C-alpha atoms as a PDB file:
ATOM      1  CA  MET A   1      21.408  82.426  -6.363  1.00  0.00           C
ATOM      2  CA  LYS A   2      19.910  78.704  -5.129  1.00  0.00           C
ATOM      3  CA  LEU A   3      22.494  75.754  -5.373  1.00  0.00           C
ATOM      4  CA  LYS A   4      21.140  72.584  -6.416  1.00  0.00           C
ATOM      5  CA  ASN A   5      21.277  69.685  -3.736  1.00  0.00           C
ATOM      6  CA  ASN A   6      22.417  66.801  -6.888  1.00  0.00           C
ATOM      7  CA  ARG A   7      22.519  64.265  -4.478  1.00  0.00           C
ATOM      8  CA  PHE A   8      21.232  60.776  -5.809  1.00  0.00           C
ATOM      9  CA  GLN A   9      18.468  59.364  -3.255  1.00  0.00           C
ATOM     10  CA  GLY A  10      19.384  55.389  -2.434  1.00  0.00           C
ATOM     11  CA  PHE A  11      18.452  52.472  -0.046  1.00  0.00           C
ATOM     12  CA  THR A  12      21.002  52.286   2.613  1.00  0.00           C
ATOM     13  CA  LEU A  13      23.182  49.140   2.692  1.00  0.00           C
ATOM     14  CA  ILE A  14      21.184  48.516   5.870  1.00  0.00           C
ATOM     15  CA  GLU A  15      18.278  49.329   4.269  1.00  0.00           C
ATOM     16  CA  VAL A  16      18.744  46.447   1.439  1.00  0.00           C
ATOM     17  CA  LEU A  17      19.838  43.605   3.682  1.00  0.00           C
ATOM     18  CA  VAL A  18      16.496  44.162   5.990  1.00  0.00           C
ATOM     19  CA  SER A  19      14.660  43.876   2.203  1.00  0.00           C
ATOM     20  CA  LEU A  20      15.959  41.060   0.807  1.00  0.00           C
ATOM     21  CA  THR A  21      16.519  39.261   4.140  1.00  0.00           C
ATOM     22  CA  ILE A  22      12.178  40.109   4.708  1.00  0.00           C
ATOM     23  CA  LEU A  23      11.243  39.198   1.266  1.00  0.00           C
ATOM     24  CA  SER A  24      13.745  35.613   1.735  1.00  0.00           C
ATOM     25  CA  ILE A  25      11.874  35.200   4.584  1.00  0.00           C
ATOM     26  CA  ILE A  26       8.272  35.031   2.252  1.00  0.00           C
ATOM     27  CA  LEU A  27       9.424  33.001   0.612  1.00  0.00           C
ATOM     28  CA  VAL A  28      10.805  30.321   2.283  1.00  0.00           C
ATOM     29  CA  SER A  29       7.770  29.592   3.863  1.00  0.00           C
ATOM     30  CA  VAL A  30       5.795  30.196   0.553  1.00  0.00           C
ATOM     31  CA  PHE A  31       8.116  27.380  -0.191  1.00  0.00           C
ATOM     32  CA  TRP A  32       7.552  25.512   2.322  1.00  0.00           C
ATOM     33  CA  ILE A  33       3.517  25.644   2.355  1.00  0.00           C
ATOM     34  CA  PHE A  34       4.331  24.460  -1.106  1.00  0.00           C
ATOM     35  CA  ILE A  35       6.207  21.541  -0.623  1.00  0.00           C
ATOM     36  CA  SER A  36       3.892  20.635   2.380  1.00  0.00           C
ATOM     37  CA  SER A  37       0.937  20.531   0.154  1.00  0.00           C
ATOM     38  CA  SER A  38       2.224  18.836  -2.448  1.00  0.00           C
ATOM     39  CA  ASP A  39       3.095  15.716  -0.210  1.00  0.00           C
ATOM     40  CA  ILE A  40      -0.471  15.744   1.832  1.00  0.00           C
ATOM     41  CA  SER A  41      -1.799  16.379  -1.838  1.00  0.00           C
ATOM     42  CA  LEU A  42       0.835  13.069  -2.500  1.00  0.00           C
ATOM     43  CA  LYS A  43      -0.364  11.282   0.871  1.00  0.00           C
ATOM     44  CA  THR A  44      -4.050  11.736   0.145  1.00  0.00           C
ATOM     45  CA  ASP A  45      -3.230  10.276  -3.758  1.00  0.00           C
ATOM     46  CA  ILE A  46      -1.782   7.250  -2.469  1.00  0.00           C
ATOM     47  CA  THR A  47      -4.024   6.553   0.041  1.00  0.00           C
ATOM     48  CA  ARG A  48      -6.875   5.867  -1.904  1.00  0.00           C
ATOM     49  CA  MET A  49      -5.077   4.120  -4.316  1.00  0.00           C
ATOM     50  CA  LEU A  50      -3.862   1.524  -1.427  1.00  0.00           C
ATOM     51  CA  GLN A  51      -7.835   1.522  -0.923  1.00  0.00           C
ATOM     52  CA  GLN A  52      -9.221   1.143  -4.382  1.00  0.00           C
ATOM     53  CA  ASN A  53      -6.334  -1.980  -4.835  1.00  0.00           C
ATOM     54  CA  ILE A  54      -7.541  -3.562  -1.376  1.00  0.00           C
ATOM     55  CA  LYS A  55     -10.862  -2.557  -2.162  1.00  0.00           C
ATOM     56  CA  SER A  56     -10.604  -5.000  -5.673  1.00  0.00           C
ATOM     57  CA  SER A  57      -8.730  -7.375  -4.614  1.00  0.00           C
ATOM     58  CA  VAL A  58     -10.902  -8.495  -1.552  1.00  0.00           C
ATOM     59  CA  GLU A  59     -13.979  -8.110  -3.879  1.00  0.00           C
ATOM     60  CA  ARG A  60     -12.260 -10.466  -6.231  1.00  0.00           C
ATOM     61  CA  ILE A  61     -11.673 -12.925  -3.123  1.00  0.00           C
ATOM     62  CA  SER A  62     -15.378 -12.609  -1.592  1.00  0.00           C
ATOM     63  CA  GLU A  63     -16.881 -13.260  -4.838  1.00  0.00           C
ATOM     64  CA  ASP A  64     -14.737 -16.210  -5.306  1.00  0.00           C
ATOM     65  CA  ILE A  65     -14.961 -16.954  -1.645  1.00  0.00           C
ATOM     66  CA  ARG A  66     -18.965 -17.250  -1.821  1.00  0.00           C
ATOM     67  CA  LYS A  67     -19.887 -18.696  -5.097  1.00  0.00           C
ATOM     68  CA  ASN A  68     -17.565 -22.135  -4.580  1.00  0.00           C
ATOM     69  CA  GLY A  69     -16.272 -22.287  -0.583  1.00  0.00           C
ATOM     70  CA  PHE A  70     -12.832 -21.815  -0.123  1.00  0.00           C
ATOM     71  CA  ASP A  71     -11.598 -25.248   0.080  1.00  0.00           C
ATOM     72  CA  CYS A  72      -8.426 -24.891   2.360  1.00  0.00           C
ATOM     73  CA  VAL A  73      -5.102 -23.317   3.472  1.00  0.00           C
ATOM     74  CA  ARG A  74      -1.576 -23.970   3.051  1.00  0.00           C
ATOM     75  CA  ASN A  75       1.771 -22.695   3.739  1.00  0.00           C
ATOM     76  CA  THR A  76       3.198 -23.625   0.312  1.00  0.00           C
ATOM     77  CA  TYR A  77       1.633 -24.098  -2.986  1.00  0.00           C
ATOM     78  CA  TRP A  78       2.159 -27.288  -3.009  1.00  0.00           C
ATOM     79  CA  GLY A  79       1.828 -28.704   0.509  1.00  0.00           C
ATOM     80  CA  SER A  80      -0.351 -30.267   2.063  1.00  0.00           C
ATOM     81  CA  CYS A  81      -4.083 -28.392   2.978  1.00  0.00           C
ATOM     82  CA  VAL A  82      -5.152 -27.715   6.361  1.00  0.00           C
ATOM     83  CA  LEU A  83      -9.296 -27.735   6.635  1.00  0.00           C
ATOM     84  CA  PRO A  84     -10.931 -24.901   9.114  1.00  0.00           C
ATOM     85  CA  ASN A  85     -12.099 -27.719  11.957  1.00  0.00           C
ATOM     86  CA  GLU A  86      -8.163 -28.632  11.706  1.00  0.00           C
ATOM     87  CA  ASN A  87      -6.212 -25.749  13.164  1.00  0.00           C
ATOM     88  CA  LYS A  88      -8.433 -22.562  14.493  1.00  0.00           C
ATOM     89  CA  THR A  89      -5.371 -19.795  15.150  1.00  0.00           C
ATOM     90  CA  SER A  90      -2.554 -20.709  13.062  1.00  0.00           C
ATOM     91  CA  THR A  91      -1.990 -18.004  10.004  1.00  0.00           C
ATOM     92  CA  TRP A  92      -1.126 -19.491   6.532  1.00  0.00           C
ATOM     93  CA  THR A  93       0.001 -17.750   3.208  1.00  0.00           C
ATOM     94  CA  ILE A  94      -2.132 -19.390   1.199  1.00  0.00           C
ATOM     95  CA  LEU A  95      -5.527 -19.281   0.738  1.00  0.00           C
ATOM     96  CA  VAL A  96      -6.940 -22.235  -1.793  1.00  0.00           C
ATOM     97  CA  VAL A  97     -10.096 -21.411  -2.891  1.00  0.00           C
ATOM     98  CA  TRP A  98     -11.738 -24.256  -5.762  1.00  0.00           C
ATOM     99  CA  TRP A  99      -9.288 -24.497  -8.271  1.00  0.00           C
ATOM    100  CA  ASN A 100      -8.196 -20.696  -7.251  1.00  0.00           C
ATOM    101  CA  LYS A 101      -4.795 -19.976  -4.814  1.00  0.00           C
ATOM    102  CA  TYR A 102      -3.896 -16.480  -3.330  1.00  0.00           C
ATOM    103  CA  TYR A 103      -0.393 -16.084  -1.649  1.00  0.00           C
ATOM    104  CA  LEU A 104       1.954 -13.515  -1.654  1.00  0.00           C
ATOM    105  CA  ALA A 105       3.873 -13.214  -5.133  1.00  0.00           C
ATOM    106  CA  GLN A 106       6.558 -12.422  -6.697  1.00  0.00           C
ATOM    107  CA  LYS A 107       7.761 -12.131 -10.529  1.00  0.00           C
ATOM    108  CA  GLY A 108       8.921 -15.571 -11.834  1.00  0.00           C
ATOM    109  CA  ILE A 109      10.042 -15.771 -15.575  1.00  0.00           C
ATOM    110  CA  SER A 110       7.342 -16.322 -17.121  1.00  0.00           C
ATOM    111  CA  ILE A 111       4.402 -15.868 -13.807  1.00  0.00           C
ATOM    112  CA  TYR A 112       3.886 -14.583 -10.313  1.00  0.00           C
ATOM    113  CA  GLU A 113       5.527 -17.160  -7.874  1.00  0.00           C
ATOM    114  CA  SER A 114       4.848 -17.903  -4.411  1.00  0.00           C
ATOM    115  CA  VAL A 115       7.534 -16.383  -2.012  1.00  0.00           C
ATOM    116  CA  GLU A 116       7.675 -16.034   1.884  1.00  0.00           C
ATOM    117  CA  LYS A 117       7.338 -12.906   3.705  1.00  0.00           C
ATOM    118  CA  GLU A 118      10.949 -12.155   4.152  1.00  0.00           C
ATOM    119  CA  ASN A 119      11.299 -11.728   0.212  1.00  0.00           C
ATOM    120  CA  CYS A 120       9.387  -9.007   0.404  1.00  0.00           C
ATOM    121  CA  ASP A 121      10.070  -7.372   4.069  1.00  0.00           C
ATOM    122  CA  GLU A 122      12.653  -4.956   2.310  1.00  0.00           C
ATOM    123  CA  LEU A 123      11.128  -1.364   1.621  1.00  0.00           C
ATOM    124  CA  ASP A 124      12.298  -1.735  -2.817  1.00  0.00           C
ATOM    125  CA  GLU A 125      11.171  -5.384  -2.907  1.00  0.00           C
ATOM    126  CA  LYS A 126       8.027  -5.961  -5.258  1.00  0.00           C
ATOM    127  CA  CYS A 127       5.700  -8.518  -4.298  1.00  0.00           C
ATOM    128  CA  THR A 128       1.845  -8.501  -5.147  1.00  0.00           C
ATOM    129  CA  LEU A 129      -1.233 -10.287  -4.278  1.00  0.00           C
ATOM    130  CA  ALA A 130      -1.509 -13.138  -6.826  1.00  0.00           C
ATOM    131  CA  LEU A 131      -4.033 -15.477  -8.418  1.00  0.00           C
ATOM    132  CA  ASN A 132      -2.859 -18.377  -9.753  1.00  0.00           C
ATOM    133  CA  GLY A 133       0.311 -16.477 -11.293  1.00  0.00           C
ATOM    134  CA  LYS A 134      -0.913 -13.285 -12.081  1.00  0.00           C
ATOM    135  CA  PRO A 135      -1.364 -10.752  -9.651  1.00  0.00           C
ATOM    136  CA  ILE A 136      -5.059  -9.025  -8.767  1.00  0.00           C
ATOM    137  CA  MET A 137      -2.895  -5.661  -8.077  1.00  0.00           C
ATOM    138  CA  ASN A 138      -1.559  -2.744 -10.296  1.00  0.00           C
ATOM    139  CA  SER A 139       1.617  -1.840  -9.825  1.00  0.00           C
ATOM    140  CA  TRP A 140       1.241   0.299  -7.535  1.00  0.00           C
ATOM    141  CA  VAL A 141       0.942  -1.139  -4.722  1.00  0.00           C
ATOM    142  CA  ASP A 142       3.694  -3.847  -3.227  1.00  0.00           C
ATOM    143  CA  VAL A 143       2.129  -5.762  -1.056  1.00  0.00           C
ATOM    144  CA  LYS A 144       4.033  -6.857   1.991  1.00  0.00           C
ATOM    145  CA  ASP A 145       1.904  -9.194   4.178  1.00  0.00           C
ATOM    146  CA  VAL A 146      -0.099 -11.737   3.416  1.00  0.00           C
ATOM    147  CA  GLN A 147      -1.895 -14.170   5.984  1.00  0.00           C
ATOM    148  CA  PHE A 148      -4.785 -16.500   6.268  1.00  0.00           C
ATOM    149  CA  LEU A 149      -6.361 -17.161   9.337  1.00  0.00           C
ATOM    150  CA  ILE A 150      -9.548 -19.540   8.789  1.00  0.00           C
ATOM    151  CA  SER A 151     -11.856 -20.360  10.798  1.00  0.00           C
ATOM    152  CA  ASP A 152     -15.134 -23.137  11.866  1.00  0.00           C
ATOM    153  CA  THR A 153     -17.402 -21.991  13.839  1.00  0.00           C
ATOM    154  CA  SER A 154     -21.790 -22.613  12.392  1.00  0.00           C
ATOM    155  CA  VAL A 155     -20.820 -20.529   9.480  1.00  0.00           C
ATOM    156  CA  LYS A 156     -16.817 -21.681   7.210  1.00  0.00           C
ATOM    157  CA  LYS A 157     -15.207 -17.372   7.697  1.00  0.00           C
ATOM    158  CA  VAL A 158     -11.833 -16.307   6.617  1.00  0.00           C
ATOM    159  CA  THR A 159      -9.928 -13.749   8.074  1.00  0.00           C
ATOM    160  CA  ILE A 160      -7.348 -12.245   5.348  1.00  0.00           C
ATOM    161  CA  LEU A 161      -4.209  -9.616   7.750  1.00  0.00           C
ATOM    162  CA  MET A 162      -2.887  -7.488   4.651  1.00  0.00           C
ATOM    163  CA  THR A 163       0.569  -5.114   4.740  1.00  0.00           C
ATOM    164  CA  LEU A 164       0.465  -3.055   1.500  1.00  0.00           C
ATOM    165  CA  GLN A 165       2.292   0.083   1.298  1.00  0.00           C
ATOM    166  CA  PRO A 166       3.316   2.300  -2.186  1.00  0.00           C
ATOM    167  CA  ALA A 167       5.793   0.960  -4.987  1.00  0.00           C
ATOM    168  CA  ILE A 168       8.584   3.028  -5.083  1.00  0.00           C
ATOM    169  CA  TRP A 169       8.387   5.543  -8.063  1.00  0.00           C
ATOM    170  CA  LYS A 170      10.772   8.225  -9.377  1.00  0.00           C
ATOM    171  CA  TRP A 171       8.192  11.245  -7.750  1.00  0.00           C
ATOM    172  CA  ILE A 172       7.271   9.004  -3.618  1.00  0.00           C
ATOM    173  CA  LYS A 173      10.031  10.009  -1.026  1.00  0.00           C
ATOM    174  CA  PRO A 174      11.048   6.810   0.775  1.00  0.00           C
ATOM    175  CA  ASN A 175       9.713   8.444   3.729  1.00  0.00           C
ATOM    176  CA  LEU A 176       5.641   9.035   2.108  1.00  0.00           C
ATOM    177  CA  ILE A 177       6.163   5.380   1.140  1.00  0.00           C
ATOM    178  CA  LYS A 178       7.608   4.289   4.919  1.00  0.00           C
ATOM    179  CA  ASP A 179       4.560   7.252   6.273  1.00  0.00           C
ATOM    180  CA  ASN A 180       2.025   5.151   4.189  1.00  0.00           C
ATOM    181  CA  ARG A 181       2.269   1.846   4.692  1.00  0.00           C
ATOM    182  CA  PHE A 182      -1.320   0.025   5.456  1.00  0.00           C
ATOM    183  CA  HIS A 183      -2.466  -2.962   7.408  1.00  0.00           C
ATOM    184  CA  PHE A 184      -6.100  -4.072   6.603  1.00  0.00           C
ATOM    185  CA  GLN A 185      -7.922  -6.862   8.346  1.00  0.00           C
ATOM    186  CA  THR A 186     -11.542  -8.137   7.374  1.00  0.00           C
ATOM    187  CA  THR A 187     -13.245 -11.296   7.339  1.00  0.00           C
ATOM    188  CA  ILE A 188     -15.476 -13.540   5.192  1.00  0.00           C
ATOM    189  CA  SER A 189     -17.513 -15.646   5.257  1.00  0.00           C
ATOM    190  CA  GLN A 190     -18.898 -18.684   3.531  1.00  0.00           C
ATOM    191  CA  ARG A 191     -22.301 -18.734   2.207  1.00  0.00           C
ATOM    192  CA  ASP A 192     -24.134 -22.042   2.543  1.00  0.00           C
ATOM    193  CA  THR A 193     -25.655 -23.120  -0.747  1.00  0.00           C
ATOM    194  CA  LEU A 194     -29.117 -23.797  -0.845  1.00  0.00           C
ATOM    195  CA  ASN A 195     -30.265 -26.977  -2.531  1.00  0.00           C
END
């Protein structure tokens, strides 16, 4: 007569620990890849958003300068104007084009008011580029600095220097905001009118 072996075939403790370790390494790797790819996707979206805002605002300023020419630059909203032939190397914070004023601004009581760069230095400060009290960039972008350089060679030119970053939102990590600070420079020349 044969005796049946009723011994239960299962896993040993070491086999379970090894398989759990391998599974946890795989899960951590998959999670890390997911987080990295979502950060890369978010960085791409942030860069695209910043570039679209820069493009639209520079096109608006360029069109205004080419149609109307620029009158002067100044450092205070109601201050005295500096003409292109008076100062060729200084930077200024307000550009005056005909009746329009472009400047770094923060939301005031009813309009966006001109502010100094120091008011926009902090990560959570909400500043924008404004035109006569209205923002010309959307709320997804914070402008940290705007400077205008003027020159008068054979053609009057304005060089715009801007520093931008994505605005703080709940779904954007602070390190992504700091890493995506964007410095921009362009020069716009005034078109001479034909008589």
